[in-house]
N, C-alpha and C. Protein backbone atom coordinates (compact mmCIF):
# COMPACT_ATOMS: atom_id res chain seq x y z
N MET A 1 86.58 143.31 94.24
CA MET A 1 87.78 143.36 95.13
C MET A 1 87.35 142.72 97.04
N LYS A 2 86.48 143.49 97.19
CA LYS A 2 86.07 143.36 98.97
C LYS A 2 85.36 141.62 99.16
N GLN A 3 84.48 141.54 97.87
CA GLN A 3 83.87 140.10 98.22
C GLN A 3 85.59 138.96 98.58
N ASN A 4 86.59 139.40 97.77
CA ASN A 4 87.62 138.35 97.68
C ASN A 4 88.53 138.42 99.09
N ILE A 5 88.15 140.16 99.96
CA ILE A 5 89.09 139.47 101.15
C ILE A 5 88.06 139.57 102.18
N ILE A 6 86.66 139.54 101.99
CA ILE A 6 85.96 138.68 103.12
C ILE A 6 85.74 137.20 102.68
N LEU A 7 86.02 137.03 101.54
CA LEU A 7 86.07 135.07 101.29
C LEU A 7 88.07 135.10 102.20
N ILE A 8 89.11 135.68 101.61
CA ILE A 8 90.07 135.24 102.28
C ILE A 8 90.47 135.31 103.73
N ILE A 9 89.15 136.05 104.26
CA ILE A 9 89.56 136.10 106.17
C ILE A 9 88.49 135.17 106.53
N LEU A 10 87.39 134.84 106.07
CA LEU A 10 86.43 133.48 106.03
C LEU A 10 87.15 132.43 106.30
N PHE A 11 87.71 132.41 105.53
CA PHE A 11 88.82 131.03 104.62
C PHE A 11 89.78 130.91 106.15
N ALA A 12 90.55 131.35 106.63
CA ALA A 12 91.32 132.17 107.64
C ALA A 12 90.76 131.83 108.57
N LEU A 13 89.88 132.36 109.21
CA LEU A 13 88.87 131.88 110.06
C LEU A 13 88.59 130.58 110.74
N LEU A 14 88.38 130.02 109.26
CA LEU A 14 87.47 128.34 109.23
C LEU A 14 88.56 127.23 109.49
N ILE A 15 89.79 127.78 108.88
CA ILE A 15 91.35 127.15 108.85
C ILE A 15 91.77 127.28 110.90
N SER A 16 91.64 128.55 111.15
CA SER A 16 91.97 128.93 112.49
C SER A 16 91.28 127.61 113.40
N CYS A 17 89.80 127.66 113.23
CA CYS A 17 88.87 127.07 114.58
C CYS A 17 88.65 125.35 113.93
N THR A 18 89.92 125.19 112.90
CA THR A 18 89.61 123.46 112.31
C THR A 18 90.47 123.07 113.41
N PRO A 19 90.42 121.88 114.70
CA PRO A 19 91.46 121.48 115.44
C PRO A 19 92.42 120.82 114.26
N ASN A 20 93.63 121.14 115.02
CA ASN A 20 94.66 120.16 114.42
C ASN A 20 95.05 118.71 114.43
N GLU A 21 94.92 118.11 113.75
CA GLU A 21 95.33 116.82 113.40
C GLU A 21 96.42 116.21 114.46
N PRO A 22 96.29 115.44 115.52
CA PRO A 22 97.39 114.56 116.44
C PRO A 22 98.65 114.39 115.75
N ILE A 23 98.47 114.01 114.15
CA ILE A 23 99.77 113.52 113.26
C ILE A 23 99.38 113.61 111.92
N LYS A 24 100.32 113.92 110.97
CA LYS A 24 100.16 114.11 109.66
C LYS A 24 100.98 112.61 108.96
N ILE A 25 100.83 111.71 107.98
CA ILE A 25 101.73 111.22 107.49
C ILE A 25 101.86 111.09 106.01
N LYS A 26 102.56 110.73 105.66
CA LYS A 26 103.06 111.18 104.07
C LYS A 26 104.05 110.41 103.61
N GLN A 27 103.74 109.26 102.85
CA GLN A 27 104.50 108.34 102.31
C GLN A 27 105.43 109.53 100.99
N ILE A 28 106.61 109.59 100.85
CA ILE A 28 107.67 110.08 99.93
C ILE A 28 108.58 109.55 98.85
N GLU A 29 108.62 109.23 97.81
CA GLU A 29 109.19 108.32 97.06
C GLU A 29 110.90 108.37 97.49
N SER A 30 111.34 107.70 97.90
CA SER A 30 112.73 107.22 98.29
C SER A 30 113.75 107.15 97.40
N ASP A 31 114.99 107.91 97.55
CA ASP A 31 115.90 107.90 97.00
C ASP A 31 116.97 107.26 98.19
N GLU A 32 116.57 106.59 98.64
CA GLU A 32 117.59 105.75 99.65
C GLU A 32 118.00 104.83 99.00
N MET A 33 119.40 104.03 99.19
CA MET A 33 120.06 103.07 98.36
C MET A 33 119.34 101.55 99.26
N VAL A 34 119.22 101.29 97.84
CA VAL A 34 118.44 99.44 97.84
C VAL A 34 119.80 98.27 98.12
N THR A 35 119.69 97.76 98.97
CA THR A 35 121.09 96.69 99.45
C THR A 35 120.74 95.56 99.04
N ILE A 36 121.92 94.77 98.74
CA ILE A 36 121.67 92.96 98.53
C ILE A 36 122.06 92.70 99.84
N PHE A 37 122.14 91.73 100.65
CA PHE A 37 122.48 91.42 102.19
C PHE A 37 122.13 89.77 102.40
N LYS A 38 123.47 89.40 103.05
CA LYS A 38 123.43 88.05 103.65
C LYS A 38 122.44 88.12 104.93
N ASN A 39 121.53 87.48 104.95
CA ASN A 39 120.69 87.50 106.41
C ASN A 39 120.84 86.45 106.81
N VAL A 40 120.63 86.08 108.55
CA VAL A 40 120.46 84.90 108.90
C VAL A 40 119.53 83.68 108.53
N LYS A 41 118.46 84.51 107.73
CA LYS A 41 117.32 83.99 107.33
C LYS A 41 117.81 83.51 106.31
N ASN A 42 119.29 83.30 105.54
CA ASN A 42 119.46 82.97 104.14
C ASN A 42 120.07 81.80 104.52
N GLY A 43 119.30 80.86 105.19
CA GLY A 43 120.42 79.59 105.86
C GLY A 43 120.54 78.48 104.79
N PRO A 44 120.82 77.26 105.21
CA PRO A 44 121.08 76.42 104.25
C PRO A 44 120.11 75.92 103.42
N ASP A 45 118.53 76.15 103.91
CA ASP A 45 117.48 76.08 103.10
C ASP A 45 117.25 76.73 102.11
N GLN A 46 117.84 78.16 102.31
CA GLN A 46 117.80 79.06 101.36
C GLN A 46 118.93 79.82 100.15
N ASN A 47 119.71 78.55 100.04
CA ASN A 47 120.66 78.80 99.04
C ASN A 47 120.20 79.52 97.97
N ASP A 48 119.31 79.61 97.87
CA ASP A 48 118.79 79.91 95.99
C ASP A 48 118.62 81.60 96.05
N SER A 49 118.40 81.96 97.67
CA SER A 49 117.69 83.38 97.44
C SER A 49 118.77 84.65 98.24
N ILE A 50 118.70 85.40 98.23
CA ILE A 50 118.99 86.41 98.82
C ILE A 50 118.44 87.46 99.87
N SER A 51 118.22 88.29 100.46
CA SER A 51 117.79 89.51 100.96
C SER A 51 118.06 90.65 99.82
N LEU A 52 116.95 91.69 99.94
CA LEU A 52 117.15 92.68 99.27
C LEU A 52 116.28 93.60 100.44
N THR A 53 117.27 94.44 100.74
CA THR A 53 116.80 95.99 102.01
C THR A 53 116.20 97.44 100.63
N VAL A 54 114.63 96.70 100.85
CA VAL A 54 113.49 98.01 100.30
C VAL A 54 113.37 99.04 101.01
N PRO A 55 113.82 100.56 101.01
CA PRO A 55 113.55 101.54 101.79
C PRO A 55 112.45 102.11 101.80
N ILE A 56 111.41 102.68 102.56
CA ILE A 56 110.28 103.15 102.41
C ILE A 56 110.67 104.44 103.39
N GLU A 57 109.91 105.70 102.48
CA GLU A 57 110.29 106.72 103.55
C GLU A 57 108.66 107.37 103.69
N PHE A 58 108.51 107.96 105.21
CA PHE A 58 107.78 108.66 105.54
C PHE A 58 108.22 110.15 105.83
N ARG A 59 107.15 111.37 105.78
CA ARG A 59 107.62 112.73 106.26
C ARG A 59 106.12 112.52 107.37
N LEU A 60 106.61 112.65 108.74
CA LEU A 60 105.43 112.80 110.20
C LEU A 60 105.61 114.22 110.68
N ILE A 61 104.32 114.15 110.45
CA ILE A 61 104.58 115.85 111.23
C ILE A 61 103.22 115.67 112.49
N VAL A 62 104.13 115.83 113.69
CA VAL A 62 103.45 115.47 115.60
C VAL A 62 102.97 116.65 115.60
N ASN A 63 102.14 116.68 116.40
CA ASN A 63 101.46 117.74 117.35
C ASN A 63 101.87 117.67 118.49
N GLU A 64 102.95 118.23 119.05
CA GLU A 64 103.19 117.86 120.42
C GLU A 64 102.61 117.98 121.46
N SER A 65 101.73 118.89 120.87
CA SER A 65 100.64 119.53 122.03
C SER A 65 99.72 118.07 122.45
N LYS A 66 99.32 117.72 121.26
CA LYS A 66 98.24 116.38 121.48
C LYS A 66 98.95 115.05 121.52
N VAL A 67 100.19 114.99 121.30
CA VAL A 67 100.51 113.65 121.00
C VAL A 67 101.72 113.06 122.43
N LYS A 68 101.15 111.75 122.59
CA LYS A 68 102.01 111.58 124.23
C LYS A 68 102.92 110.50 123.64
N GLY A 69 102.72 109.76 122.24
CA GLY A 69 103.55 108.24 122.01
C GLY A 69 103.30 108.36 120.71
N LEU A 70 104.07 107.41 120.21
CA LEU A 70 104.31 106.77 118.93
C LEU A 70 104.43 105.54 118.07
N SER A 71 103.79 104.74 118.13
CA SER A 71 104.79 103.67 117.83
C SER A 71 104.05 102.99 115.99
N LEU A 72 105.00 101.90 115.58
CA LEU A 72 105.14 101.90 114.48
C LEU A 72 104.66 100.38 114.48
N TYR A 73 103.85 99.69 113.34
CA TYR A 73 104.14 98.23 113.14
C TYR A 73 104.05 98.19 111.73
N TYR A 74 104.73 96.83 111.35
CA TYR A 74 104.80 96.69 109.72
C TYR A 74 104.29 95.46 109.58
N PHE A 75 103.30 95.27 108.41
CA PHE A 75 102.62 93.99 108.06
C PHE A 75 102.94 94.07 106.77
N VAL A 76 103.29 92.87 106.58
CA VAL A 76 103.57 92.14 104.89
C VAL A 76 103.03 91.36 104.68
N ASP A 77 101.88 91.12 103.94
CA ASP A 77 101.31 90.15 103.51
C ASP A 77 100.07 89.40 104.63
N LYS A 78 99.47 90.27 105.86
CA LYS A 78 98.59 90.58 106.88
C LYS A 78 99.31 89.38 107.92
N LYS A 79 101.19 90.05 108.27
CA LYS A 79 101.21 89.27 108.84
C LYS A 79 102.51 90.14 109.65
N LEU A 80 102.81 90.50 110.95
CA LEU A 80 103.24 91.13 111.53
C LEU A 80 104.65 90.89 111.52
N LEU A 81 105.55 91.80 110.67
CA LEU A 81 106.99 91.83 110.68
C LEU A 81 108.02 91.59 111.85
N SER A 82 108.88 91.41 112.82
CA SER A 82 109.35 91.39 114.02
C SER A 82 110.36 92.96 113.71
N ASP A 83 110.03 93.56 114.94
CA ASP A 83 110.97 94.71 114.57
C ASP A 83 112.11 95.12 114.96
N HIS A 84 112.48 95.86 114.09
CA HIS A 84 114.02 96.50 114.20
C HIS A 84 115.30 95.49 114.42
N LEU A 85 114.88 94.14 114.01
CA LEU A 85 115.84 93.10 114.49
C LEU A 85 116.41 92.61 113.24
N PHE A 86 115.49 91.80 112.71
CA PHE A 86 115.52 91.00 111.27
C PHE A 86 114.43 91.31 109.84
N ASP A 87 113.54 91.99 110.43
CA ASP A 87 112.67 92.36 109.04
C ASP A 87 112.76 93.68 108.86
N TYR A 88 112.81 94.50 109.92
CA TYR A 88 113.19 95.70 109.40
C TYR A 88 113.65 96.80 110.42
N GLN A 89 114.04 97.97 110.01
CA GLN A 89 114.94 99.08 110.79
C GLN A 89 114.20 100.45 110.93
N VAL A 90 114.23 101.24 111.57
CA VAL A 90 113.76 102.39 111.37
C VAL A 90 114.80 103.67 111.32
N TYR A 91 115.13 104.36 110.59
CA TYR A 91 116.03 105.75 110.64
C TYR A 91 115.47 106.94 110.72
N ASN A 92 116.24 107.75 111.31
CA ASN A 92 115.88 109.08 110.96
C ASN A 92 116.89 109.29 109.73
N LYS A 93 115.86 110.59 108.80
CA LYS A 93 116.80 110.52 107.61
C LYS A 93 117.70 111.30 107.69
N ASN A 94 117.86 112.28 109.08
CA ASN A 94 118.72 113.08 109.26
C ASN A 94 120.27 112.84 109.76
N ASN A 95 119.83 111.21 110.20
CA ASN A 95 120.88 110.55 110.90
C ASN A 95 121.10 109.12 110.94
N LYS A 96 121.32 108.66 109.70
CA LYS A 96 121.22 107.00 109.22
C LYS A 96 122.25 106.16 109.57
N ARG A 97 123.00 106.35 110.86
CA ARG A 97 124.22 106.07 111.42
C ARG A 97 123.35 104.69 112.14
N LYS A 98 122.10 104.92 112.98
CA LYS A 98 121.91 103.84 114.07
C LYS A 98 120.75 104.28 114.41
N PRO A 99 119.88 102.96 113.85
CA PRO A 99 118.27 102.73 113.87
C PRO A 99 118.18 103.29 115.42
N ILE A 100 116.49 103.86 114.93
CA ILE A 100 115.95 104.19 116.27
C ILE A 100 114.56 103.39 116.09
N TYR A 101 114.58 103.35 117.76
CA TYR A 101 113.71 102.26 118.31
C TYR A 101 112.44 103.20 118.99
N SER A 102 112.34 104.66 119.28
CA SER A 102 111.59 104.89 119.76
C SER A 102 111.56 106.62 118.88
N LEU A 103 110.26 106.86 118.49
CA LEU A 103 109.74 108.04 118.08
C LEU A 103 109.70 109.48 118.92
N GLU A 104 109.20 109.38 119.99
CA GLU A 104 108.97 110.11 120.74
C GLU A 104 110.22 111.22 121.11
N PRO A 105 111.47 110.57 121.51
CA PRO A 105 112.50 111.64 121.28
C PRO A 105 112.65 112.56 120.02
N TYR A 106 112.24 112.62 119.16
CA TYR A 106 112.09 113.01 117.53
C TYR A 106 111.58 113.64 117.61
N PHE A 107 110.27 113.74 118.50
CA PHE A 107 108.87 115.00 117.97
C PHE A 107 109.64 116.38 117.54
N GLU A 108 110.44 116.48 118.63
CA GLU A 108 110.59 117.84 118.04
C GLU A 108 111.38 118.48 116.71
N TYR A 109 111.58 117.22 115.68
CA TYR A 109 111.83 117.36 114.23
C TYR A 109 110.76 117.58 113.14
N ASN A 110 110.32 118.44 113.49
CA ASN A 110 109.12 118.84 112.48
C ASN A 110 109.32 119.66 111.03
N PRO A 111 108.90 118.55 110.15
CA PRO A 111 108.88 117.34 110.22
C PRO A 111 109.66 116.57 110.39
N LEU A 112 109.36 114.76 110.61
CA LEU A 112 110.61 113.74 110.93
C LEU A 112 110.04 113.18 109.77
N ASN A 113 111.44 113.02 109.02
CA ASN A 113 111.43 112.53 107.92
C ASN A 113 112.44 110.51 108.04
N ILE A 114 110.99 109.71 108.31
CA ILE A 114 111.82 108.29 108.88
C ILE A 114 111.94 107.70 107.51
N ILE A 115 112.40 106.52 107.35
CA ILE A 115 113.20 105.88 106.33
C ILE A 115 113.15 104.21 107.05
N ILE A 116 112.17 103.70 106.93
CA ILE A 116 112.02 102.32 107.18
C ILE A 116 112.57 101.06 106.19
N LYS A 117 113.53 100.57 106.73
CA LYS A 117 114.22 99.25 105.91
C LYS A 117 113.90 98.31 105.91
N GLU A 118 113.23 97.38 104.98
CA GLU A 118 112.08 96.63 105.09
C GLU A 118 113.69 95.35 104.43
N ARG A 119 113.62 94.32 105.13
CA ARG A 119 114.76 93.20 104.94
C ARG A 119 114.23 92.17 104.78
N ASN A 120 113.05 91.79 104.48
CA ASN A 120 112.43 90.51 104.32
C ASN A 120 112.33 90.26 103.26
N HIS A 121 112.56 91.17 102.40
CA HIS A 121 112.17 90.74 100.84
C HIS A 121 113.69 89.79 100.27
N LEU A 122 113.03 88.76 99.95
CA LEU A 122 113.90 87.92 99.17
C LEU A 122 114.17 87.55 97.49
N ILE A 123 114.80 87.54 97.05
CA ILE A 123 114.76 87.61 95.44
C ILE A 123 115.51 86.46 95.10
N SER A 124 115.58 86.02 94.19
CA SER A 124 116.84 84.80 93.76
C SER A 124 117.98 85.15 93.70
N LYS A 125 118.72 84.49 93.30
CA LYS A 125 120.19 84.52 93.56
C LYS A 125 120.84 85.20 91.80
N ASP A 126 120.34 84.64 91.42
CA ASP A 126 120.19 84.80 89.56
C ASP A 126 119.77 86.10 89.49
N ASP A 127 118.37 86.31 90.01
CA ASP A 127 117.94 87.86 90.06
C ASP A 127 118.88 88.81 90.46
N ALA A 128 119.61 88.49 91.40
CA ALA A 128 120.26 89.38 92.09
C ALA A 128 121.44 90.06 91.36
N ASN A 129 121.99 88.62 90.79
CA ASN A 129 123.41 88.42 89.92
C ASN A 129 123.15 89.69 88.33
N ILE A 130 121.73 89.47 88.07
CA ILE A 130 121.60 90.18 87.32
C ILE A 130 121.24 91.50 87.25
N LEU A 131 120.72 92.29 88.18
CA LEU A 131 120.92 93.32 88.96
C LEU A 131 123.03 94.08 89.11
N LEU A 132 123.20 92.93 90.01
CA LEU A 132 124.86 93.46 89.83
C LEU A 132 125.94 93.93 88.54
N LYS A 133 125.19 92.84 87.89
CA LYS A 133 125.65 93.14 85.96
C LYS A 133 124.76 94.12 85.47
N LYS A 134 123.68 94.23 85.72
CA LYS A 134 122.92 95.95 84.70
C LYS A 134 123.56 96.79 85.60
N TYR A 135 124.09 96.88 86.90
CA TYR A 135 124.57 98.24 87.49
C TYR A 135 126.21 98.05 87.47
N ASN A 136 126.78 97.42 86.77
CA ASN A 136 128.21 97.14 87.07
C ASN A 136 128.60 97.19 88.37
N ILE A 137 127.96 96.51 89.20
CA ILE A 137 128.77 96.34 90.29
C ILE A 137 129.73 94.66 90.34
N LYS A 138 130.79 94.96 90.96
CA LYS A 138 131.76 94.03 90.60
C LYS A 138 131.84 92.91 92.19
N GLN A 139 131.09 92.90 92.61
CA GLN A 139 130.56 92.19 94.09
C GLN A 139 130.37 90.80 93.56
N SER A 140 130.74 89.82 94.25
CA SER A 140 129.90 88.72 94.19
C SER A 140 129.76 88.09 95.11
N LEU A 141 128.31 87.32 94.78
CA LEU A 141 127.08 87.09 96.05
C LEU A 141 127.86 85.86 97.06
N ASN A 142 128.57 85.33 96.29
CA ASN A 142 129.44 83.92 96.73
C ASN A 142 130.11 84.27 98.07
N ASN A 143 131.07 85.44 98.14
CA ASN A 143 131.92 85.97 99.01
C ASN A 143 131.32 86.53 99.75
N LEU A 144 129.54 86.96 100.29
CA LEU A 144 129.13 87.43 101.56
C LEU A 144 128.90 86.45 102.52
N LYS A 145 129.12 87.03 103.89
CA LYS A 145 129.08 86.59 104.78
C LYS A 145 128.05 87.49 105.75
N ILE A 146 127.23 86.46 106.57
CA ILE A 146 126.04 87.08 107.21
C ILE A 146 126.39 88.44 107.75
N GLY A 147 125.47 89.39 106.68
CA GLY A 147 125.76 90.75 107.62
C GLY A 147 126.13 91.69 106.87
N ASP A 148 127.12 91.26 105.53
CA ASP A 148 127.66 91.92 104.89
C ASP A 148 126.48 92.69 103.95
N THR A 149 126.46 93.35 103.09
CA THR A 149 125.97 94.05 102.59
C THR A 149 126.57 94.34 100.92
N ILE A 150 126.09 94.74 99.83
CA ILE A 150 126.22 95.15 98.29
C ILE A 150 125.41 96.03 98.26
N LYS A 151 125.60 97.59 97.99
CA LYS A 151 125.04 99.02 97.38
C LYS A 151 124.60 98.57 96.21
N LEU A 152 123.34 98.94 95.83
CA LEU A 152 122.62 98.62 94.57
C LEU A 152 122.42 100.20 93.89
N ILE A 153 121.43 100.34 93.85
CA ILE A 153 120.94 101.53 93.12
C ILE A 153 120.23 102.55 94.43
N PRO A 154 119.89 103.94 93.83
CA PRO A 154 118.73 104.17 94.85
C PRO A 154 117.06 103.42 94.20
N PHE A 155 116.53 103.39 95.37
CA PHE A 155 114.87 102.94 95.31
C PHE A 155 114.09 103.55 94.36
N ASN A 156 114.12 104.56 93.96
CA ASN A 156 113.27 105.25 93.32
C ASN A 156 114.00 104.98 91.81
N GLN A 157 114.92 104.94 91.72
CA GLN A 157 115.55 104.31 90.36
C GLN A 157 115.21 102.95 90.03
N LEU A 158 115.54 102.34 91.27
CA LEU A 158 115.40 100.57 90.92
C LEU A 158 113.73 100.23 90.08
N ILE A 159 112.63 100.80 90.79
CA ILE A 159 111.44 100.79 90.55
C ILE A 159 111.00 101.33 89.06
N LYS A 160 112.05 101.98 88.80
CA LYS A 160 111.38 102.81 87.69
C LYS A 160 111.97 101.68 86.41
N GLU A 161 113.35 101.22 87.19
CA GLU A 161 114.02 100.14 85.74
C GLU A 161 113.84 98.74 85.78
N ASN A 162 112.96 98.12 86.54
CA ASN A 162 113.01 96.64 87.33
C ASN A 162 111.66 96.62 87.48
N LYS A 163 110.56 96.64 86.38
CA LYS A 163 109.50 96.21 86.60
C LYS A 163 109.27 94.78 86.97
N LYS A 164 110.11 94.03 86.81
CA LYS A 164 109.79 92.52 87.74
C LYS A 164 109.62 92.71 89.76
N ILE A 165 110.46 93.71 89.50
CA ILE A 165 110.41 93.86 91.37
C ILE A 165 109.13 94.96 91.67
N LEU A 166 109.35 95.58 90.79
CA LEU A 166 108.06 96.41 91.12
C LEU A 166 106.67 95.60 91.18
N GLU A 167 106.37 94.62 90.48
CA GLU A 167 105.48 93.85 90.41
C GLU A 167 105.32 92.92 91.63
N GLU A 168 106.52 92.00 91.94
CA GLU A 168 106.81 91.66 92.71
C GLU A 168 106.22 92.00 94.02
N LEU A 169 106.67 93.82 94.34
CA LEU A 169 106.15 94.11 95.46
C LEU A 169 104.86 94.97 95.67
N ASN A 170 104.16 94.45 94.45
CA ASN A 170 102.37 95.29 94.48
C ASN A 170 101.61 93.59 94.65
N LYS A 171 102.84 92.64 94.44
CA LYS A 171 101.41 91.62 94.87
C LYS A 171 101.42 91.16 96.32
N ILE A 172 102.00 91.88 97.00
CA ILE A 172 102.08 91.99 98.49
C ILE A 172 101.39 92.92 99.40
N ASP A 173 100.48 92.75 100.27
CA ASP A 173 99.88 93.91 100.72
C ASP A 173 100.50 94.14 101.99
N ASP A 174 101.41 95.29 101.61
CA ASP A 174 102.24 95.81 102.56
C ASP A 174 101.58 97.04 103.57
N SER A 175 101.50 97.27 104.71
CA SER A 175 101.21 98.49 105.26
C SER A 175 102.07 98.72 106.70
N ILE A 176 101.91 99.56 107.02
CA ILE A 176 102.56 99.77 108.16
C ILE A 176 101.27 100.72 109.38
N PHE A 177 101.18 100.47 110.19
CA PHE A 177 100.38 100.58 111.11
C PHE A 177 101.06 101.85 112.39
N PHE A 178 100.42 103.17 112.19
CA PHE A 178 101.25 104.22 113.51
C PHE A 178 99.92 103.85 114.71
N ARG A 179 100.40 103.80 115.70
CA ARG A 179 99.67 103.61 116.91
C ARG A 179 99.92 104.61 117.73
N ILE A 180 98.89 106.02 117.44
CA ILE A 180 98.99 107.10 118.55
C ILE A 180 98.31 107.17 120.05
N THR A 181 99.28 107.50 120.98
CA THR A 181 98.57 107.43 122.27
C THR A 181 99.03 108.95 122.57
N LEU A 182 97.29 109.66 122.62
CA LEU A 182 97.16 110.98 122.66
C LEU A 182 97.81 111.32 123.91
N ASN A 183 97.93 112.59 124.63
CA ASN A 183 98.38 113.18 125.78
C ASN A 183 96.82 112.89 126.91
N LYS A 184 95.67 112.63 126.64
CA LYS A 184 94.79 112.49 127.24
C LYS A 184 94.40 110.98 127.11
N GLY A 185 95.47 109.59 127.06
CA GLY A 185 95.51 108.95 127.16
C GLY A 185 94.74 108.13 125.93
N GLU A 186 93.81 108.94 125.42
CA GLU A 186 92.98 107.64 124.15
C GLU A 186 93.96 107.28 123.26
N VAL A 187 94.01 106.30 122.44
CA VAL A 187 95.14 105.75 121.97
C VAL A 187 94.02 105.66 120.47
N SER A 188 94.92 106.08 119.21
CA SER A 188 94.18 105.66 117.92
C SER A 188 95.37 104.88 117.05
N VAL A 189 94.57 104.46 115.88
CA VAL A 189 95.62 103.83 114.99
C VAL A 189 95.65 104.17 113.09
N ILE A 190 96.36 104.71 112.73
CA ILE A 190 96.04 105.10 111.47
C ILE A 190 97.11 104.07 110.48
N LYS A 191 96.33 103.71 109.85
CA LYS A 191 96.73 101.98 108.40
C LYS A 191 97.14 103.14 107.30
N GLN A 192 98.37 103.13 107.27
CA GLN A 192 99.44 103.51 105.66
C GLN A 192 99.70 102.43 104.57
N LYS A 193 98.90 102.05 103.91
CA LYS A 193 99.22 101.18 102.62
C LYS A 193 100.51 101.58 101.96
N ILE A 194 101.64 101.02 101.84
CA ILE A 194 102.86 101.59 100.80
C ILE A 194 102.06 101.30 99.37
N ASN A 195 102.61 101.90 99.10
CA ASN A 195 102.57 103.08 97.79
C ASN A 195 103.54 102.30 97.23
N TRP A 196 104.16 101.44 96.41
CA TRP A 196 105.28 101.26 95.70
C TRP A 196 105.56 101.98 94.55
């Protein structure tokens, strides 16, 4: 019994002596809605495809005493996506009404759950119509105007029930890079591969 108490005390001391990481990042299986939408990118040369918004969710725990700034960069197939306009948007899970452009004001939310809605994934209109029929959604792709969206189903359900989409997502090397600026001015980068 005494040995167990001594081990517990030693373990607690070891943890308290370990410096806290500036940030912890964990991808969470998202239950956010996948949407089909007509994007500016779906111009006349892309009449046979339509955009699929794919939500990715991360839980961030930020050590405010160490971190001054935090930015993220989204790479698909080793190409940097344009931020916050056409290719992806970032939202605070607790307030999904408007995108966030800077993570620093949200450091007080610990943990902070962010949703990154990747808007760069194109699927064929035939595949989109199959999804609409499968989930009994009565809206038509033909009536969509630029900016219009059709809600499908939660992302975790979509990838479980549609192996073809999961295979397509897994073909591409998608990563999020978190650029951390520490209070002392040092900068570090954490690469987080997206697990579909």
